């Protein structure tokens, strides 16, 4: 049953992306941000405090009430606006992940979330980078730095662990 639910979800995301056109953040005269299409027509009404460009996963980073979240193509909030910072989702279904992921920061640490806002890792990463093919991270514990990336099932794969010089 889970297999069929995942297949339906992936088909919906693919159909959504195929029908979606590119939108661009734009600030209205009232100071609020929304999204316009290539003809400069409003597609998402200006109601956000700030807005980021679209990722290739069809997600938009939006800020409301001083906190960041992620919205979909029609402006619907998909990842609740409760984070200090976001890195918008990348569609890794074309690479190695069977779902779309993004990164969120809260309390100085990062975690990874799904397009539905489910936190799939704890908030423990000092730094995350989202780039084609993988999500990389860096964790610092005292004088030890761990660098790695997430594997297909969101397991951590350590690329390097090294001792840092003592800080004075």
N, C-alpha and C. Protein backbone atom coordinates (compact mmCIF):
# COMPACT_ATOMS: atom_id res chain seq x y z
N UNK A 1 0.83 -1.19 0.00
CA UNK A 1 0.00 0.00 0.00
C UNK A 1 0.88 1.26 0.00
N UNK A 2 1.95 1.26 0.84
CA UNK A 2 2.85 2.42 0.88
C UNK A 2 3.48 2.66 -0.48
N UNK A 3 3.81 1.57 -1.16
CA UNK A 3 4.44 1.68 -2.48
C UNK A 3 3.52 2.42 -3.45
N UNK A 4 2.22 2.08 -3.42
CA UNK A 4 1.26 2.73 -4.32
C UNK A 4 1.04 4.19 -3.93
N UNK A 5 1.01 4.47 -2.64
CA UNK A 5 0.85 5.86 -2.19
C UNK A 5 2.03 6.71 -2.64
N UNK A 6 3.25 6.17 -2.54
CA UNK A 6 4.44 6.89 -2.99
C UNK A 6 4.38 7.12 -4.50
N UNK A 7 3.94 6.11 -5.25
CA UNK A 7 3.84 6.27 -6.70
C UNK A 7 2.83 7.34 -7.07
N UNK A 8 1.71 7.39 -6.38
CA UNK A 8 0.69 8.41 -6.64
C UNK A 8 1.23 9.79 -6.30
N UNK A 9 1.92 9.91 -5.17
CA UNK A 9 2.52 11.18 -4.77
C UNK A 9 3.52 11.67 -5.82
N UNK A 10 4.42 10.79 -6.28
CA UNK A 10 5.41 11.17 -7.27
C UNK A 10 4.76 11.58 -8.59
N UNK A 11 3.70 10.89 -8.98
CA UNK A 11 2.98 11.26 -10.20
C UNK A 11 2.34 12.63 -10.05
N UNK A 12 1.78 12.92 -8.87
CA UNK A 12 1.16 14.22 -8.63
C UNK A 12 2.20 15.34 -8.68
N UNK A 13 3.37 15.11 -8.07
CA UNK A 13 4.43 16.12 -8.09
C UNK A 13 4.89 16.37 -9.51
N UNK A 14 5.06 15.30 -10.30
CA UNK A 14 5.50 15.44 -11.68
C UNK A 14 4.46 16.20 -12.50
N UNK A 15 3.18 15.86 -12.34
CA UNK A 15 2.11 16.56 -13.05
C UNK A 15 2.05 18.01 -12.64
N UNK A 16 2.20 18.27 -11.34
CA UNK A 16 2.20 19.64 -10.82
C UNK A 16 3.30 20.46 -11.48
N UNK A 17 4.49 19.91 -11.55
CA UNK A 17 5.62 20.63 -12.12
C UNK A 17 5.44 20.85 -13.62
N UNK A 18 4.87 19.88 -14.31
CA UNK A 18 4.68 20.00 -15.75
C UNK A 18 3.69 21.12 -16.07
N UNK A 19 2.68 21.32 -15.21
CA UNK A 19 1.65 22.32 -15.45
C UNK A 19 2.01 23.69 -14.88
N UNK A 20 3.02 23.76 -14.05
CA UNK A 20 3.37 25.01 -13.40
C UNK A 20 4.25 25.85 -14.30
N UNK A 21 4.01 27.15 -14.27
CA UNK A 21 4.90 28.05 -14.99
C UNK A 21 5.80 28.75 -13.99
N UNK A 22 6.88 29.30 -14.47
CA UNK A 22 7.85 29.94 -13.60
C UNK A 22 7.28 31.24 -13.04
N UNK A 23 7.45 31.43 -11.74
CA UNK A 23 7.01 32.65 -11.06
C UNK A 23 8.21 33.35 -10.46
N UNK A 24 8.06 34.65 -10.27
CA UNK A 24 9.15 35.48 -9.77
C UNK A 24 8.67 36.31 -8.59
N UNK A 25 9.47 36.44 -7.52
CA UNK A 25 9.04 37.27 -6.39
C UNK A 25 8.97 38.74 -6.81
N UNK A 26 7.97 39.43 -6.30
CA UNK A 26 7.80 40.84 -6.63
C UNK A 26 7.18 41.55 -5.42
N UNK A 27 7.63 42.77 -5.19
CA UNK A 27 7.13 43.54 -4.05
C UNK A 27 6.09 44.54 -4.54
N UNK A 28 4.94 44.56 -3.87
CA UNK A 28 3.85 45.47 -4.22
C UNK A 28 4.06 46.83 -3.54
N UNK A 29 3.25 47.79 -3.91
CA UNK A 29 3.33 49.13 -3.34
C UNK A 29 3.11 49.14 -1.82
N UNK A 30 2.37 48.15 -1.30
CA UNK A 30 2.11 48.08 0.14
C UNK A 30 3.28 47.46 0.92
N UNK A 31 4.38 47.12 0.22
CA UNK A 31 5.56 46.56 0.86
C UNK A 31 5.53 45.04 1.00
N UNK A 32 4.41 44.41 0.69
CA UNK A 32 4.29 42.95 0.78
C UNK A 32 4.79 42.30 -0.51
N UNK A 33 5.20 41.04 -0.38
CA UNK A 33 5.74 40.28 -1.49
C UNK A 33 4.75 39.23 -1.95
N UNK A 34 4.73 39.00 -3.26
CA UNK A 34 3.95 37.94 -3.89
C UNK A 34 4.74 37.45 -5.08
N UNK A 35 4.04 36.80 -6.02
CA UNK A 35 4.72 36.25 -7.19
C UNK A 35 4.00 36.65 -8.47
N UNK A 36 4.80 37.02 -9.47
CA UNK A 36 4.28 37.39 -10.78
C UNK A 36 4.80 36.40 -11.82
N UNK A 37 4.09 36.31 -12.94
CA UNK A 37 4.53 35.45 -14.03
C UNK A 37 5.43 36.23 -14.98
N UNK A 38 5.79 35.64 -16.09
CA UNK A 38 6.69 36.28 -17.05
C UNK A 38 6.09 37.53 -17.69
N UNK A 39 4.76 37.64 -17.67
CA UNK A 39 4.09 38.84 -18.20
C UNK A 39 3.87 39.89 -17.12
N UNK A 40 4.46 39.69 -15.95
CA UNK A 40 4.36 40.61 -14.81
C UNK A 40 2.94 40.69 -14.24
N UNK A 41 2.18 39.61 -14.39
CA UNK A 41 0.83 39.51 -13.83
C UNK A 41 0.92 38.79 -12.49
N UNK A 42 0.19 39.29 -11.50
CA UNK A 42 0.19 38.65 -10.18
C UNK A 42 -0.42 37.27 -10.27
N UNK A 43 0.29 36.26 -9.81
CA UNK A 43 -0.22 34.88 -9.73
C UNK A 43 -0.42 34.47 -8.28
N UNK A 44 0.39 35.03 -7.37
CA UNK A 44 0.21 34.85 -5.93
C UNK A 44 0.15 36.25 -5.35
N UNK A 45 -0.97 36.59 -4.75
CA UNK A 45 -1.18 37.94 -4.23
C UNK A 45 -0.08 38.33 -3.25
N UNK A 46 0.31 39.61 -3.23
CA UNK A 46 1.36 40.06 -2.31
C UNK A 46 0.86 40.08 -0.86
N UNK A 47 1.24 39.05 -0.12
CA UNK A 47 0.80 38.94 1.29
C UNK A 47 1.94 38.52 2.22
N UNK A 48 3.12 38.30 1.67
CA UNK A 48 4.25 37.84 2.47
C UNK A 48 5.16 39.00 2.85
N UNK A 49 5.89 38.84 3.96
CA UNK A 49 6.87 39.86 4.39
C UNK A 49 8.12 39.83 3.52
N UNK A 50 8.43 38.67 2.97
CA UNK A 50 9.58 38.50 2.08
C UNK A 50 9.34 37.24 1.27
N UNK A 51 10.07 37.08 0.17
CA UNK A 51 9.87 35.92 -0.70
C UNK A 51 11.16 35.61 -1.44
N UNK A 52 11.41 34.31 -1.64
CA UNK A 52 12.59 33.85 -2.36
C UNK A 52 12.20 33.36 -3.74
N UNK A 53 13.18 33.23 -4.61
CA UNK A 53 12.94 32.67 -5.94
C UNK A 53 12.57 31.20 -5.82
N UNK A 54 11.91 30.70 -6.85
CA UNK A 54 11.49 29.30 -6.91
C UNK A 54 12.70 28.38 -6.99
N UNK A 55 12.56 27.24 -6.39
CA UNK A 55 13.55 26.18 -6.58
C UNK A 55 13.06 25.31 -7.74
N UNK A 56 13.86 24.37 -8.16
CA UNK A 56 13.39 23.51 -9.26
C UNK A 56 12.40 22.47 -8.79
N UNK A 57 12.09 22.46 -7.51
CA UNK A 57 11.07 21.57 -6.98
C UNK A 57 9.70 22.22 -6.91
N UNK A 58 9.56 23.45 -7.46
CA UNK A 58 8.27 24.13 -7.45
C UNK A 58 7.91 24.70 -6.10
N UNK A 59 8.90 24.99 -5.27
CA UNK A 59 8.67 25.53 -3.93
C UNK A 59 9.22 26.94 -3.84
N UNK A 60 8.59 27.75 -3.00
CA UNK A 60 9.01 29.12 -2.80
C UNK A 60 9.23 29.36 -1.31
N UNK A 61 10.35 29.94 -0.95
CA UNK A 61 10.58 30.33 0.44
C UNK A 61 9.83 31.62 0.71
N UNK A 62 9.00 31.63 1.76
CA UNK A 62 8.19 32.81 2.10
C UNK A 62 8.33 33.12 3.58
N UNK A 63 8.22 34.41 3.90
CA UNK A 63 8.35 34.86 5.29
C UNK A 63 7.06 35.54 5.73
N UNK A 64 6.55 35.10 6.87
CA UNK A 64 5.35 35.68 7.48
C UNK A 64 5.59 35.83 8.98
N UNK A 65 5.28 36.99 9.52
CA UNK A 65 5.42 37.18 10.96
C UNK A 65 6.83 36.96 11.46
N UNK A 66 7.82 37.26 10.64
CA UNK A 66 9.21 37.13 11.04
C UNK A 66 9.79 35.73 10.93
N UNK A 67 9.03 34.77 10.43
CA UNK A 67 9.49 33.39 10.29
C UNK A 67 9.33 32.90 8.86
N UNK A 68 10.21 31.98 8.46
CA UNK A 68 10.23 31.44 7.11
C UNK A 68 9.55 30.09 7.02
N UNK A 69 8.97 29.82 5.86
CA UNK A 69 8.39 28.53 5.51
C UNK A 69 8.48 28.38 4.01
N UNK A 70 7.69 27.48 3.46
CA UNK A 70 7.70 27.27 2.02
C UNK A 70 6.28 27.19 1.50
N UNK A 71 6.07 27.83 0.35
CA UNK A 71 4.75 27.85 -0.28
C UNK A 71 4.83 27.14 -1.62
N UNK A 72 3.66 26.70 -2.09
CA UNK A 72 3.55 26.06 -3.39
C UNK A 72 3.20 27.07 -4.47
N UNK A 73 2.95 26.55 -5.66
CA UNK A 73 2.73 27.36 -6.85
C UNK A 73 1.55 28.34 -6.71
N UNK A 74 0.54 27.97 -5.97
CA UNK A 74 -0.63 28.84 -5.81
C UNK A 74 -0.58 29.67 -4.52
N UNK A 75 0.55 29.65 -3.84
CA UNK A 75 0.70 30.43 -2.62
C UNK A 75 0.31 29.70 -1.36
N UNK A 76 -0.13 28.46 -1.47
CA UNK A 76 -0.52 27.68 -0.30
C UNK A 76 0.72 27.34 0.52
N UNK A 77 0.61 27.46 1.82
CA UNK A 77 1.73 27.14 2.71
C UNK A 77 1.86 25.62 2.79
N UNK A 78 3.02 25.11 2.40
CA UNK A 78 3.30 23.68 2.45
C UNK A 78 4.18 23.32 3.63
N UNK A 79 5.15 24.17 3.93
CA UNK A 79 6.01 24.00 5.09
C UNK A 79 5.74 25.22 5.97
N UNK A 80 5.22 24.97 7.17
CA UNK A 80 4.78 26.02 8.08
C UNK A 80 5.83 27.11 8.27
N UNK A 81 5.38 28.37 8.36
CA UNK A 81 6.29 29.51 8.56
C UNK A 81 6.64 29.61 10.04
N UNK A 82 7.64 28.82 10.45
CA UNK A 82 8.06 28.79 11.85
C UNK A 82 9.57 28.68 12.00
N UNK A 83 10.31 28.91 10.90
CA UNK A 83 11.75 28.70 10.91
C UNK A 83 12.50 30.02 10.75
N UNK A 84 13.76 30.03 11.21
CA UNK A 84 14.60 31.23 11.12
C UNK A 84 15.13 31.44 9.71
N UNK A 85 15.25 30.37 8.94
CA UNK A 85 15.79 30.45 7.59
C UNK A 85 15.39 29.18 6.84
N UNK A 86 15.28 29.27 5.53
CA UNK A 86 14.99 28.09 4.72
C UNK A 86 15.91 28.06 3.50
N UNK A 87 16.16 26.87 3.02
CA UNK A 87 16.73 26.66 1.70
C UNK A 87 15.68 25.87 0.96
N UNK A 88 15.14 26.45 -0.09
CA UNK A 88 13.99 25.86 -0.75
C UNK A 88 14.32 24.51 -1.34
N UNK A 89 13.25 23.74 -1.50
CA UNK A 89 13.37 22.35 -1.93
C UNK A 89 13.95 22.21 -3.32
N UNK A 90 14.66 21.15 -3.48
CA UNK A 90 15.15 20.73 -4.78
C UNK A 90 14.45 19.40 -5.10
N UNK A 91 14.02 19.24 -6.32
CA UNK A 91 13.35 18.01 -6.72
C UNK A 91 14.40 16.95 -7.01
N UNK A 92 14.66 16.10 -6.02
CA UNK A 92 15.65 15.06 -6.19
C UNK A 92 15.06 13.76 -6.71
N UNK A 93 13.77 13.77 -7.05
CA UNK A 93 13.20 12.56 -7.62
C UNK A 93 13.88 12.23 -8.94
N UNK A 94 14.46 13.26 -9.60
CA UNK A 94 15.19 13.01 -10.84
C UNK A 94 16.63 12.56 -10.57
N UNK A 95 17.08 12.62 -9.34
CA UNK A 95 18.43 12.21 -8.99
C UNK A 95 18.38 10.91 -8.20
N UNK A 96 18.48 11.00 -6.89
CA UNK A 96 18.55 9.78 -6.09
C UNK A 96 17.47 9.66 -5.03
N UNK A 97 16.79 10.73 -4.68
CA UNK A 97 15.81 10.67 -3.60
C UNK A 97 14.42 10.42 -4.15
N UNK A 98 13.62 9.65 -3.44
CA UNK A 98 12.27 9.38 -3.92
C UNK A 98 11.27 10.45 -3.51
N UNK A 99 11.73 11.61 -3.06
CA UNK A 99 10.85 12.69 -2.61
C UNK A 99 11.59 14.01 -2.70
N UNK A 100 10.86 15.07 -2.48
CA UNK A 100 11.42 16.42 -2.55
C UNK A 100 11.81 16.86 -1.13
N UNK A 101 13.02 17.40 -0.98
CA UNK A 101 13.51 17.85 0.32
C UNK A 101 13.88 19.32 0.29
N UNK A 102 13.84 19.96 1.45
CA UNK A 102 14.37 21.30 1.65
C UNK A 102 15.07 21.32 3.00
N UNK A 103 15.67 22.45 3.33
CA UNK A 103 16.37 22.58 4.61
C UNK A 103 15.79 23.76 5.37
N UNK A 104 15.71 23.61 6.70
CA UNK A 104 15.18 24.66 7.57
C UNK A 104 16.11 24.84 8.76
N UNK A 105 16.23 26.11 9.22
CA UNK A 105 17.09 26.39 10.37
C UNK A 105 16.23 26.95 11.50
N UNK A 106 16.50 26.43 12.70
CA UNK A 106 15.82 26.88 13.91
C UNK A 106 16.80 26.79 15.06
N UNK A 107 16.92 27.87 15.83
CA UNK A 107 17.82 27.85 16.98
C UNK A 107 19.26 27.63 16.62
N UNK A 108 19.70 28.09 15.45
CA UNK A 108 21.10 27.97 15.07
C UNK A 108 21.47 26.65 14.41
N UNK A 109 20.56 25.70 14.31
CA UNK A 109 20.85 24.40 13.70
C UNK A 109 19.89 24.14 12.55
N UNK A 110 20.35 23.33 11.61
CA UNK A 110 19.58 22.98 10.42
C UNK A 110 19.02 21.57 10.52
N UNK A 111 17.91 21.34 9.81
CA UNK A 111 17.32 20.01 9.62
C UNK A 111 16.80 19.95 8.20
N UNK A 112 16.42 18.76 7.76
CA UNK A 112 15.84 18.59 6.43
C UNK A 112 14.36 18.27 6.57
N UNK A 113 13.54 18.80 5.65
CA UNK A 113 12.09 18.60 5.67
C UNK A 113 11.62 18.13 4.29
N UNK A 114 10.47 17.46 4.28
CA UNK A 114 9.85 17.07 3.02
C UNK A 114 8.97 18.20 2.52
N UNK A 115 8.44 18.05 1.32
CA UNK A 115 7.55 19.03 0.72
C UNK A 115 6.27 19.19 1.54
N UNK A 116 5.94 18.20 2.37
CA UNK A 116 4.77 18.28 3.25
C UNK A 116 5.10 18.88 4.61
N UNK A 117 6.36 19.29 4.82
CA UNK A 117 6.74 19.91 6.08
C UNK A 117 7.14 18.94 7.16
N UNK A 118 7.34 17.67 6.83
CA UNK A 118 7.75 16.67 7.81
C UNK A 118 9.26 16.78 8.01
N UNK A 119 9.68 16.99 9.25
CA UNK A 119 11.11 17.06 9.57
C UNK A 119 11.67 15.64 9.58
N UNK A 120 12.54 15.35 8.62
CA UNK A 120 13.05 13.98 8.47
C UNK A 120 14.40 13.78 9.14
N UNK A 121 15.01 14.85 9.64
CA UNK A 121 16.23 14.74 10.43
C UNK A 121 16.08 15.65 11.64
N UNK A 122 16.85 15.40 12.69
CA UNK A 122 16.83 16.32 13.83
C UNK A 122 17.56 17.63 13.48
N UNK A 123 17.34 18.65 14.27
CA UNK A 123 18.05 19.93 14.10
C UNK A 123 19.44 19.77 14.74
N UNK A 124 20.42 19.40 13.92
CA UNK A 124 21.75 19.18 14.46
C UNK A 124 22.86 19.65 13.54
N UNK A 125 22.54 20.09 12.34
CA UNK A 125 23.55 20.47 11.37
C UNK A 125 23.93 21.94 11.51
N UNK A 126 25.24 22.22 11.52
CA UNK A 126 25.72 23.59 11.59
C UNK A 126 25.57 24.30 10.25
N UNK A 127 25.68 23.55 9.18
CA UNK A 127 25.60 24.12 7.84
C UNK A 127 25.03 23.08 6.90
N UNK A 128 24.18 23.51 5.97
CA UNK A 128 23.70 22.61 4.92
C UNK A 128 23.86 23.31 3.58
N UNK A 129 24.05 22.53 2.57
CA UNK A 129 24.11 23.05 1.20
C UNK A 129 23.28 22.12 0.33
N UNK A 130 22.46 22.73 -0.48
CA UNK A 130 21.63 21.97 -1.40
C UNK A 130 22.19 22.22 -2.79
N UNK A 131 22.61 21.15 -3.44
CA UNK A 131 23.11 21.28 -4.81
C UNK A 131 22.82 20.00 -5.57
N UNK A 132 22.95 20.06 -6.86
CA UNK A 132 22.55 18.95 -7.73
C UNK A 132 23.14 17.62 -7.27
N UNK A 133 22.27 16.68 -7.04
CA UNK A 133 22.71 15.33 -6.75
C UNK A 133 22.78 14.95 -5.28
N UNK A 134 22.91 15.92 -4.36
CA UNK A 134 22.98 15.55 -2.94
C UNK A 134 22.75 16.75 -2.04
N UNK A 135 22.45 16.45 -0.80
CA UNK A 135 22.38 17.44 0.26
C UNK A 135 23.61 17.24 1.12
N UNK A 136 24.46 18.23 1.21
CA UNK A 136 25.65 18.09 2.05
C UNK A 136 25.44 18.83 3.36
N UNK A 137 26.20 18.42 4.38
CA UNK A 137 26.07 19.03 5.69
C UNK A 137 27.44 19.12 6.36
N UNK A 138 27.48 19.93 7.41
CA UNK A 138 28.68 20.03 8.24
C UNK A 138 28.20 20.12 9.69
N UNK A 139 28.81 19.33 10.54
CA UNK A 139 28.52 19.34 11.97
C UNK A 139 29.83 19.63 12.70
N UNK A 140 29.78 20.50 13.68
CA UNK A 140 30.95 20.76 14.52
C UNK A 140 30.63 20.35 15.95
N UNK A 141 31.54 19.59 16.52
CA UNK A 141 31.44 19.20 17.93
C UNK A 141 32.79 19.46 18.55
N UNK A 142 32.90 20.57 19.27
CA UNK A 142 34.19 20.94 19.85
C UNK A 142 35.20 21.18 18.76
N UNK A 143 36.29 20.42 18.78
CA UNK A 143 37.34 20.56 17.77
C UNK A 143 37.21 19.54 16.64
N UNK A 144 36.08 18.89 16.55
CA UNK A 144 35.87 17.92 15.49
C UNK A 144 34.85 18.46 14.50
N UNK A 145 35.17 18.34 13.23
CA UNK A 145 34.24 18.74 12.17
C UNK A 145 33.92 17.50 11.34
N UNK A 146 32.63 17.28 11.11
CA UNK A 146 32.18 16.15 10.31
C UNK A 146 31.49 16.72 9.08
N UNK A 147 31.93 16.27 7.92
CA UNK A 147 31.29 16.67 6.66
C UNK A 147 30.74 15.42 6.01
N UNK A 148 29.57 15.55 5.41
CA UNK A 148 28.98 14.40 4.74
C UNK A 148 27.80 14.81 3.89
N UNK A 149 27.00 13.83 3.51
CA UNK A 149 25.80 14.09 2.72
C UNK A 149 24.75 13.07 3.08
N UNK A 150 23.52 13.36 2.70
CA UNK A 150 22.43 12.44 2.97
C UNK A 150 22.36 11.39 1.87
N UNK A 151 22.13 10.17 2.28
CA UNK A 151 21.96 9.08 1.32
C UNK A 151 20.51 8.96 0.90
N UNK A 152 20.22 7.98 0.07
CA UNK A 152 18.89 7.80 -0.51
C UNK A 152 17.80 7.72 0.55
N UNK A 153 18.04 7.05 1.63
CA UNK A 153 17.02 6.91 2.68
C UNK A 153 17.25 7.89 3.82
N UNK A 154 17.86 9.04 3.52
CA UNK A 154 18.15 10.12 4.46
C UNK A 154 19.10 9.66 5.57
N UNK A 155 19.89 8.62 5.28
CA UNK A 155 20.93 8.26 6.24
C UNK A 155 22.13 9.16 5.99
N UNK A 156 22.90 9.41 7.04
CA UNK A 156 24.08 10.25 6.91
C UNK A 156 25.24 9.43 6.36
N UNK A 157 25.90 9.96 5.36
CA UNK A 157 27.11 9.35 4.83
C UNK A 157 28.24 10.32 5.11
N UNK A 158 29.19 9.91 5.92
CA UNK A 158 30.29 10.79 6.33
C UNK A 158 31.37 10.77 5.26
N UNK A 159 31.67 11.95 4.74
CA UNK A 159 32.73 12.06 3.73
C UNK A 159 34.08 12.31 4.39
N UNK A 160 34.05 13.03 5.51
CA UNK A 160 35.30 13.42 6.15
C UNK A 160 35.04 13.76 7.61
N UNK A 161 35.94 13.35 8.46
CA UNK A 161 35.92 13.78 9.85
C UNK A 161 37.34 14.23 10.17
N UNK A 162 37.47 15.42 10.69
CA UNK A 162 38.82 15.93 10.95
C UNK A 162 38.86 16.73 12.23
N UNK A 163 40.04 16.79 12.80
CA UNK A 163 40.28 17.59 14.00
C UNK A 163 40.62 19.02 13.59
N UNK A 164 39.97 19.95 14.21
CA UNK A 164 40.22 21.36 13.96
C UNK A 164 41.27 21.86 14.94
N UNK A 165 42.02 22.90 14.59
CA UNK A 165 42.98 23.46 15.54
C UNK A 165 42.24 24.10 16.72
N UNK A 166 42.87 24.10 17.87
CA UNK A 166 42.28 24.74 19.04
C UNK A 166 42.13 26.23 18.80
N UNK A 167 40.98 26.75 19.18
CA UNK A 167 40.73 28.18 19.04
C UNK A 167 41.10 28.89 20.33
N UNK A 168 41.75 30.02 20.20
CA UNK A 168 42.17 30.78 21.38
C UNK A 168 41.27 31.95 21.60
